[in-house]
Each structure stands twice: as structure tokens, then as C-alpha cells.
Amino acid sequence: MQVPHYRPRALLRQQRGPQAKGKLFLVMARRLPPLNALRAFEAAARLGSFSAAAQELRVTDSAVSQQVRTLERYLGTRLFKRLPRVCC
């Protein structure tokens, strides 16, 4: 039994048939962002704060922050403007 080798997307486009489509799907599936990071981002954006998102998702504030930071690294752009807390 031969182990399939990794091929660049350009080579996959040249192939025809159901096997090529399956391989192309696998290449595309690797590009999906982490689901938990998307959930944390959606909740934080909708509710307007990491704390409110954390309560809704039943995790800590820092967990939401880390998940959003993971998504930001994955996408290569900042999604939130983080401002320092102001006391009093």
C-alpha cells in the first residue's frame, strides 16, 4: 500500500476525477480556523466585551482573550482594539 504524497494545490488543480476533488478538499480543510476561536470572537464581538463573552461561554476572561489572539494570529490581522483599563 502506497502512502499518498503531499502535492501543492497547483498540481491538484491539474488532476481530474473524484480523487483530485477529495485531495483538494483535504487541502482546503486544513485552512479552516479553529472553531473555539471563532466562537469566542463571535461572542466577544456580539456582546462587546471579553468578560461578557467569557460568562456566556462559561470560560475565563483570559481564555476568551487567548482564543481571539489565536484567531488574530491565524488571520494575520487584529480583530479588536485592546484598550488599557482605567481605574476610578
Protein backbone atom coordinates (compact mmCIF):
# COMPACT_ATOMS: atom_id res chain seq x y z
CA MET A 1 0.00 0.00 0.00
CA GLN A 2 1.50 3.31 -1.05
CA VAL A 3 1.28 6.37 1.16
CA PRO A 4 -0.01 9.40 -0.76
CA HIS A 5 2.48 12.23 -1.00
CA TYR A 6 1.67 15.86 -0.38
CA ARG A 7 1.23 17.83 -3.59
CA PRO A 8 0.92 21.58 -3.97
CA ARG A 9 -2.52 22.95 -4.85
CA ALA A 10 -1.38 23.86 -8.36
CA LEU A 11 -0.76 20.19 -9.11
CA LEU A 12 -4.10 19.17 -7.62
CA ARG A 13 -5.94 21.53 -9.95
CA GLN A 14 -4.39 19.81 -12.95
CA GLN A 15 -5.72 16.39 -11.93
CA ARG A 16 -9.22 15.34 -12.89
CA GLY A 17 -11.72 12.99 -11.33
CA PRO A 18 -13.13 12.23 -7.87
CA GLN A 19 -9.73 11.53 -6.31
CA ALA A 20 -8.48 15.02 -7.16
CA LYS A 21 -11.60 16.58 -5.66
CA GLY A 22 -11.10 14.64 -2.42
CA LYS A 23 -7.48 15.72 -2.17
CA LEU A 24 -8.40 19.33 -2.88
CA PHE A 25 -10.99 19.17 -0.09
CA LEU A 26 -8.32 17.97 2.35
CA VAL A 27 -6.05 20.86 1.41
CA MET A 28 -8.90 23.33 1.91
CA ALA A 29 -9.97 21.73 5.21
CA ARG A 30 -6.57 22.45 6.71
CA ARG A 31 -7.17 26.15 6.19
CA LEU A 32 -10.28 26.42 8.36
CA PRO A 33 -9.77 28.49 11.51
CA PRO A 34 -10.15 26.88 14.96
CA LEU A 35 -13.82 26.57 15.91
CA ASN A 36 -13.36 27.61 19.55
CA ALA A 37 -11.54 30.74 18.43
CA LEU A 38 -14.43 31.62 16.11
CA ARG A 39 -16.95 31.03 18.89
CA ALA A 40 -15.01 33.27 21.27
CA PHE A 41 -14.66 36.00 18.65
CA GLU A 42 -18.35 35.90 17.73
CA ALA A 43 -19.46 36.13 21.36
CA ALA A 44 -17.00 38.92 22.18
CA ALA A 45 -18.00 40.93 19.10
CA ARG A 46 -21.71 40.48 19.71
CA LEU A 47 -21.57 41.26 23.44
CA GLY A 48 -18.88 43.94 23.25
CA SER A 49 -16.53 42.57 25.90
CA PHE A 50 -14.35 39.60 26.67
CA SER A 51 -15.86 39.34 30.16
CA ALA A 52 -19.42 39.03 28.88
CA ALA A 53 -18.30 36.53 26.25
CA ALA A 54 -16.50 34.51 28.93
CA GLN A 55 -19.65 34.35 31.05
CA GLU A 56 -21.73 33.22 28.09
CA LEU A 57 -19.21 30.57 27.03
CA ARG A 58 -18.56 29.57 30.67
CA VAL A 59 -14.80 30.06 30.46
CA THR A 60 -12.40 32.62 31.93
CA ASP A 61 -11.78 36.09 30.51
CA SER A 62 -8.21 35.13 29.69
CA ALA A 63 -9.41 32.03 27.78
CA VAL A 64 -11.53 34.25 25.51
CA SER A 65 -8.61 36.63 25.07
CA GLN A 66 -6.27 33.78 24.13
CA GLN A 67 -8.78 32.32 21.68
CA VAL A 68 -9.26 35.69 19.99
CA ARG A 69 -5.49 36.17 19.88
CA THR A 70 -5.17 32.73 18.26
CA LEU A 71 -7.69 33.75 15.59
CA GLU A 72 -5.86 37.05 15.06
CA ARG A 73 -2.59 35.18 14.52
CA TYR A 74 -4.31 32.74 12.18
CA LEU A 75 -5.83 35.56 10.08
CA GLY A 76 -2.79 37.82 10.35
CA THR A 77 -4.72 40.89 11.47
CA ARG A 78 -6.02 42.50 14.65
CA LEU A 79 -9.73 41.99 15.23
CA PHE A 80 -10.16 44.08 18.38
CA LYS A 81 -8.67 47.31 19.58
CA ARG A 82 -7.44 46.49 23.08
CA LEU A 83 -7.56 49.45 25.41
CA PRO A 84 -5.99 49.61 28.90
CA ARG A 85 -8.36 49.57 31.83
CA VAL A 86 -8.92 52.87 33.55
CA CYS A 87 -9.20 52.81 37.31
CA CYS A 88 -11.78 55.02 39.04
